[in-house]
């Protein structure tokens, strides 16, 4: 016969694991530095200017 499972402990362990995975996702999503955000913004603006310069007038 196997050992009985404490359901409260299992529930709390699962909640901790879910919280940890959510924290990891948030670190990936929001964890950029100010410099990284500035570089990404500058690159986006540069690409937009290059696209506007390549447009042909009718």
PDB file of N, CA and C in Angstrom:
ATOM      1  N   UNK A   1       0.838  -1.175   0.000  1.00  0.00           N
ATOM      2  CA  UNK A   1       0.000   0.000   0.000  1.00  0.00           C
ATOM      3  C   UNK A   1       0.888   1.244   0.000  1.00  0.00           C
ATOM      4  N   UNK A   2       0.475   2.273  -0.715  1.00  0.00           N
ATOM      5  CA  UNK A   2       1.277   3.486  -0.815  1.00  0.00           C
ATOM      6  C   UNK A   2       0.975   4.437   0.339  1.00  0.00           C
ATOM      7  N   UNK A   3       1.817   5.431   0.454  1.00  0.00           N
ATOM      8  CA  UNK A   3       1.644   6.438   1.500  1.00  0.00           C
ATOM      9  C   UNK A   3       0.490   7.364   1.131  1.00  0.00           C
ATOM     10  N   UNK A   4      -0.267   7.810   2.106  1.00  0.00           N
ATOM     11  CA  UNK A   4      -1.340   8.771   1.813  1.00  0.00           C
ATOM     12  C   UNK A   4      -0.745  10.127   1.420  1.00  0.00           C
ATOM     13  N   UNK A   5      -1.485  10.858   0.601  1.00  0.00           N
ATOM     14  CA  UNK A   5      -1.031  12.156   0.105  1.00  0.00           C
ATOM     15  C   UNK A   5      -1.751  13.257   0.865  1.00  0.00           C
ATOM     16  N   UNK A   6      -0.983  14.217   1.337  1.00  0.00           N
ATOM     17  CA  UNK A   6      -1.567  15.372   1.994  1.00  0.00           C
ATOM     18  C   UNK A   6      -2.028  16.326   0.888  1.00  0.00           C
ATOM     19  N   UNK A   7      -3.332  16.451   0.695  1.00  0.00           N
ATOM     20  CA  UNK A   7      -3.868  17.244  -0.406  1.00  0.00           C
ATOM     21  C   UNK A   7      -3.584  18.739  -0.238  1.00  0.00           C
ATOM     22  N   UNK A   8      -3.565  19.208   1.002  1.00  0.00           N
ATOM     23  CA  UNK A   8      -3.245  20.622   1.222  1.00  0.00           C
ATOM     24  C   UNK A   8      -1.816  20.921   0.779  1.00  0.00           C
ATOM     25  N   UNK A   9      -0.889  20.052   1.117  1.00  0.00           N
ATOM     26  CA  UNK A   9       0.504  20.244   0.733  1.00  0.00           C
ATOM     27  C   UNK A   9       0.644  20.167  -0.788  1.00  0.00           C
ATOM     28  N   UNK A  10      -0.048  19.231  -1.421  1.00  0.00           N
ATOM     29  CA  UNK A  10       0.016  19.100  -2.876  1.00  0.00           C
ATOM     30  C   UNK A  10      -0.555  20.341  -3.555  1.00  0.00           C
ATOM     31  N   UNK A  11      -1.641  20.881  -3.030  1.00  0.00           N
ATOM     32  CA  UNK A  11      -2.262  22.081  -3.592  1.00  0.00           C
ATOM     33  C   UNK A  11      -1.309  23.264  -3.494  1.00  0.00           C
ATOM     34  N   UNK A  12      -0.681  23.424  -2.329  1.00  0.00           N
ATOM     35  CA  UNK A  12       0.236  24.546  -2.129  1.00  0.00           C
ATOM     36  C   UNK A  12       1.485  24.401  -2.993  1.00  0.00           C
ATOM     37  N   UNK A  13       1.972  23.185  -3.153  1.00  0.00           N
ATOM     38  CA  UNK A  13       3.136  22.954  -4.007  1.00  0.00           C
ATOM     39  C   UNK A  13       2.822  23.313  -5.449  1.00  0.00           C
ATOM     40  N   UNK A  14       1.644  22.934  -5.909  1.00  0.00           N
ATOM     41  CA  UNK A  14       1.228  23.260  -7.273  1.00  0.00           C
ATOM     42  C   UNK A  14       1.078  24.771  -7.441  1.00  0.00           C
ATOM     43  N   UNK A  15       0.528  25.442  -6.443  1.00  0.00           N
ATOM     44  CA  UNK A  15       0.361  26.898  -6.507  1.00  0.00           C
ATOM     45  C   UNK A  15       1.719  27.586  -6.570  1.00  0.00           C
ATOM     46  N   UNK A  16       2.693  27.100  -5.812  1.00  0.00           N
ATOM     47  CA  UNK A  16       4.040  27.683  -5.857  1.00  0.00           C
ATOM     48  C   UNK A  16       4.674  27.488  -7.232  1.00  0.00           C
ATOM     49  N   UNK A  17       4.490  26.315  -7.813  1.00  0.00           N
ATOM     50  CA  UNK A  17       5.053  26.050  -9.135  1.00  0.00           C
ATOM     51  C   UNK A  17       4.401  26.944 -10.185  1.00  0.00           C
ATOM     52  N   UNK A  18       3.087  27.127 -10.098  1.00  0.00           N
ATOM     53  CA  UNK A  18       2.393  28.005 -11.040  1.00  0.00           C
ATOM     54  C   UNK A  18       2.872  29.446 -10.901  1.00  0.00           C
ATOM     55  N   UNK A  19       3.054  29.881  -9.664  1.00  0.00           N
ATOM     56  CA  UNK A  19       3.520  31.244  -9.416  1.00  0.00           C
ATOM     57  C   UNK A  19       4.936  31.437  -9.949  1.00  0.00           C
ATOM     58  N   UNK A  20       5.773  30.439  -9.785  1.00  0.00           N
ATOM     59  CA  UNK A  20       7.152  30.528 -10.278  1.00  0.00           C
ATOM     60  C   UNK A  20       7.187  30.589 -11.804  1.00  0.00           C
ATOM     61  N   UNK A  21       6.345  29.814 -12.466  1.00  0.00           N
ATOM     62  CA  UNK A  21       6.323  29.854 -13.925  1.00  0.00           C
ATOM     63  C   UNK A  21       5.788  31.189 -14.428  1.00  0.00           C
ATOM     64  N   UNK A  22       4.823  31.768 -13.732  1.00  0.00           N
ATOM     65  CA  UNK A  22       4.300  33.089 -14.100  1.00  0.00           C
ATOM     66  C   UNK A  22       5.375  34.154 -13.898  1.00  0.00           C
ATOM     67  N   UNK A  23       6.138  34.037 -12.833  1.00  0.00           N
ATOM     68  CA  UNK A  23       7.219  34.992 -12.573  1.00  0.00           C
ATOM     69  C   UNK A  23       8.278  34.915 -13.668  1.00  0.00           C
ATOM     70  N   UNK A  24       8.593  33.710 -14.106  1.00  0.00           N
ATOM     71  CA  UNK A  24       9.569  33.540 -15.188  1.00  0.00           C
ATOM     72  C   UNK A  24       9.056  34.198 -16.468  1.00  0.00           C
ATOM     73  N   UNK A  25       7.789  34.007 -16.776  1.00  0.00           N
ATOM     74  CA  UNK A  25       7.213  34.627 -17.968  1.00  0.00           C
ATOM     75  C   UNK A  25       7.247  36.149 -17.863  1.00  0.00           C
ATOM     76  N   UNK A  26       6.984  36.692 -16.682  1.00  0.00           N
ATOM     77  CA  UNK A  26       7.032  38.138 -16.492  1.00  0.00           C
ATOM     78  C   UNK A  26       8.447  38.678 -16.609  1.00  0.00           C
ATOM     79  N   UNK A  27       9.434  37.915 -16.128  1.00  0.00           N
ATOM     80  CA  UNK A  27      10.822  38.357 -16.263  1.00  0.00           C
ATOM     81  C   UNK A  27      11.211  38.452 -17.730  1.00  0.00           C
ATOM     82  N   UNK A  28      10.763  37.516 -18.524  1.00  0.00           N
ATOM     83  CA  UNK A  28      11.063  37.550 -19.957  1.00  0.00           C
ATOM     84  C   UNK A  28      10.323  38.714 -20.610  1.00  0.00           C
ATOM     85  N   UNK A  29       9.091  38.922 -20.217  1.00  0.00           N
ATOM     86  CA  UNK A  29       8.254  39.935 -20.870  1.00  0.00           C
ATOM     87  C   UNK A  29       8.633  41.363 -20.483  1.00  0.00           C
ATOM     88  N   UNK A  30       8.893  41.601 -19.212  1.00  0.00           N
ATOM     89  CA  UNK A  30       9.104  42.963 -18.726  1.00  0.00           C
ATOM     90  C   UNK A  30      10.531  43.228 -18.259  1.00  0.00           C
ATOM     91  N   UNK A  31      11.412  42.276 -18.357  1.00  0.00           N
ATOM     92  CA  UNK A  31      12.728  42.393 -17.739  1.00  0.00           C
ATOM     93  C   UNK A  31      13.794  43.064 -18.576  1.00  0.00           C
ATOM     94  N   UNK A  32      13.413  43.917 -19.508  1.00  0.00           N
ATOM     95  CA  UNK A  32      14.424  44.593 -20.314  1.00  0.00           C
ATOM     96  C   UNK A  32      14.892  45.865 -19.612  1.00  0.00           C
ATOM     97  N   UNK A  33      16.162  46.192 -19.806  1.00  0.00           N
ATOM     98  CA  UNK A  33      16.697  47.402 -19.208  1.00  0.00           C
ATOM     99  C   UNK A  33      16.267  48.613 -20.025  1.00  0.00           C
ATOM    100  N   UNK A  34      16.481  49.776 -19.458  1.00  0.00           N
ATOM    101  CA  UNK A  34      16.124  51.016 -20.132  1.00  0.00           C
ATOM    102  C   UNK A  34      16.932  51.173 -21.423  1.00  0.00           C
ATOM    103  N   UNK A  35      18.184  50.785 -21.386  1.00  0.00           N
ATOM    104  CA  UNK A  35      19.037  50.876 -22.567  1.00  0.00           C
ATOM    105  C   UNK A  35      18.540  49.941 -23.677  1.00  0.00           C
ATOM    106  N   UNK A  36      18.142  48.740 -23.317  1.00  0.00           N
ATOM    107  CA  UNK A  36      17.625  47.798 -24.318  1.00  0.00           C
ATOM    108  C   UNK A  36      16.344  48.327 -24.955  1.00  0.00           C
ATOM    109  N   UNK A  37      15.479  48.935 -24.140  1.00  0.00           N
ATOM    110  CA  UNK A  37      14.254  49.516 -24.681  1.00  0.00           C
ATOM    111  C   UNK A  37      14.568  50.668 -25.618  1.00  0.00           C
ATOM    112  N   UNK A  38      15.557  51.496 -25.267  1.00  0.00           N
ATOM    113  CA  UNK A  38      15.941  52.628 -26.109  1.00  0.00           C
ATOM    114  C   UNK A  38      16.509  52.148 -27.437  1.00  0.00           C
ATOM    115  N   UNK A  39      17.314  51.104 -27.416  1.00  0.00           N
ATOM    116  CA  UNK A  39      17.881  50.559 -28.640  1.00  0.00           C
ATOM    117  C   UNK A  39      16.768  50.019 -29.534  1.00  0.00           C
ATOM    118  N   UNK A  40      15.821  49.316 -28.965  1.00  0.00           N
ATOM    119  CA  UNK A  40      14.712  48.771 -29.748  1.00  0.00           C
ATOM    120  C   UNK A  40      13.867  49.891 -30.357  1.00  0.00           C
ATOM    121  N   UNK A  41      13.615  50.952 -29.600  1.00  0.00           N
ATOM    122  CA  UNK A  41      12.843  52.086 -30.106  1.00  0.00           C
ATOM    123  C   UNK A  41      13.585  52.776 -31.241  1.00  0.00           C
ATOM    124  N   UNK A  42      14.884  52.990 -31.063  1.00  0.00           N
ATOM    125  CA  UNK A  42      15.684  53.640 -32.104  1.00  0.00           C
ATOM    126  C   UNK A  42      15.702  52.797 -33.378  1.00  0.00           C
ATOM    127  N   UNK A  43      15.819  51.514 -33.237  1.00  0.00           N
ATOM    128  CA  UNK A  43      15.831  50.623 -34.409  1.00  0.00           C
ATOM    129  C   UNK A  43      14.492  50.670 -35.140  1.00  0.00           C
ATOM    130  N   UNK A  44      13.398  50.684 -34.394  1.00  0.00           N
ATOM    131  CA  UNK A  44      12.070  50.763 -35.003  1.00  0.00           C
ATOM    132  C   UNK A  44      11.901  52.073 -35.762  1.00  0.00           C
ATOM    133  N   UNK A  45      12.354  53.168 -35.160  1.00  0.00           N
ATOM    134  CA  UNK A  45      12.256  54.468 -35.828  1.00  0.00           C
ATOM    135  C   UNK A  45      13.126  54.511 -37.078  1.00  0.00           C
ATOM    136  N   UNK A  46      14.313  53.917 -37.019  1.00  0.00           N
ATOM    137  CA  UNK A  46      15.211  53.886 -38.169  1.00  0.00           C
ATOM    138  C   UNK A  46      14.580  53.113 -39.332  1.00  0.00           C
ATOM    139  N   UNK A  47      13.971  51.988 -39.009  1.00  0.00           N
ATOM    140  CA  UNK A  47      13.318  51.195 -40.055  1.00  0.00           C
ATOM    141  C   UNK A  47      12.133  51.941 -40.652  1.00  0.00           C
ATOM    142  N   UNK A  48      11.384  52.660 -39.828  1.00  0.00           N
ATOM    143  CA  UNK A  48      10.242  53.429 -40.333  1.00  0.00           C
ATOM    144  C   UNK A  48      10.716  54.545 -41.259  1.00  0.00           C
ATOM    145  N   UNK A  49      11.807  55.232 -40.900  1.00  0.00           N
ATOM    146  CA  UNK A  49      12.350  56.286 -41.765  1.00  0.00           C
ATOM    147  C   UNK A  49      12.831  55.711 -43.080  1.00  0.00           C
ATOM    148  N   UNK A  50      13.508  54.560 -43.047  1.00  0.00           N
ATOM    149  CA  UNK A  50      13.998  53.932 -44.267  1.00  0.00           C
ATOM    150  C   UNK A  50      12.837  53.544 -45.181  1.00  0.00           C
ATOM    151  N   UNK A  51      11.758  53.073 -44.599  1.00  0.00           N
ATOM    152  CA  UNK A  51      10.588  52.705 -45.384  1.00  0.00           C
ATOM    153  C   UNK A  51       9.943  53.929 -46.005  1.00  0.00           C
ATOM    154  N   UNK A  52       9.834  55.013 -45.247  1.00  0.00           N
ATOM    155  CA  UNK A  52       9.254  56.249 -45.767  1.00  0.00           C
ATOM    156  C   UNK A  52      10.103  56.820 -46.901  1.00  0.00           C
ATOM    157  N   UNK A  53      11.405  56.702 -46.813  1.00  0.00           N
ATOM    158  CA  UNK A  53      12.297  57.220 -47.853  1.00  0.00           C
ATOM    159  C   UNK A  53      12.193  56.398 -49.134  1.00  0.00           C
ATOM    160  N   UNK A  54      11.818  55.163 -49.018  1.00  0.00           N
ATOM    161  CA  UNK A  54      11.744  54.280 -50.182  1.00  0.00           C
ATOM    162  C   UNK A  54      10.404  54.369 -50.902  1.00  0.00           C
ATOM    163  N   UNK A  55       9.437  55.087 -50.327  1.00  0.00           N
ATOM    164  CA  UNK A  55       8.117  55.186 -50.945  1.00  0.00           C
ATOM    165  C   UNK A  55       8.203  56.031 -52.217  1.00  0.00           C
ATOM    166  N   UNK A  56       7.409  55.650 -53.179  1.00  0.00           N
ATOM    167  CA  UNK A  56       7.367  56.397 -54.431  1.00  0.00           C
ATOM    168  C   UNK A  56       6.120  57.245 -54.462  1.00  0.00           C
ATOM    169  N   UNK A  57       6.273  58.453 -54.963  1.00  0.00           N
ATOM    170  CA  UNK A  57       5.157  59.373 -55.079  1.00  0.00           C
ATOM    171  C   UNK A  57       4.409  59.094 -56.385  1.00  0.00           C
ATOM    172  N   UNK A  58       3.100  59.219 -56.359  1.00  0.00           N
ATOM    173  CA  UNK A  58       2.309  59.011 -57.571  1.00  0.00           C
ATOM    174  C   UNK A  58       2.189  60.306 -58.361  1.00  0.00           C
TER     175      UNK A  58
END
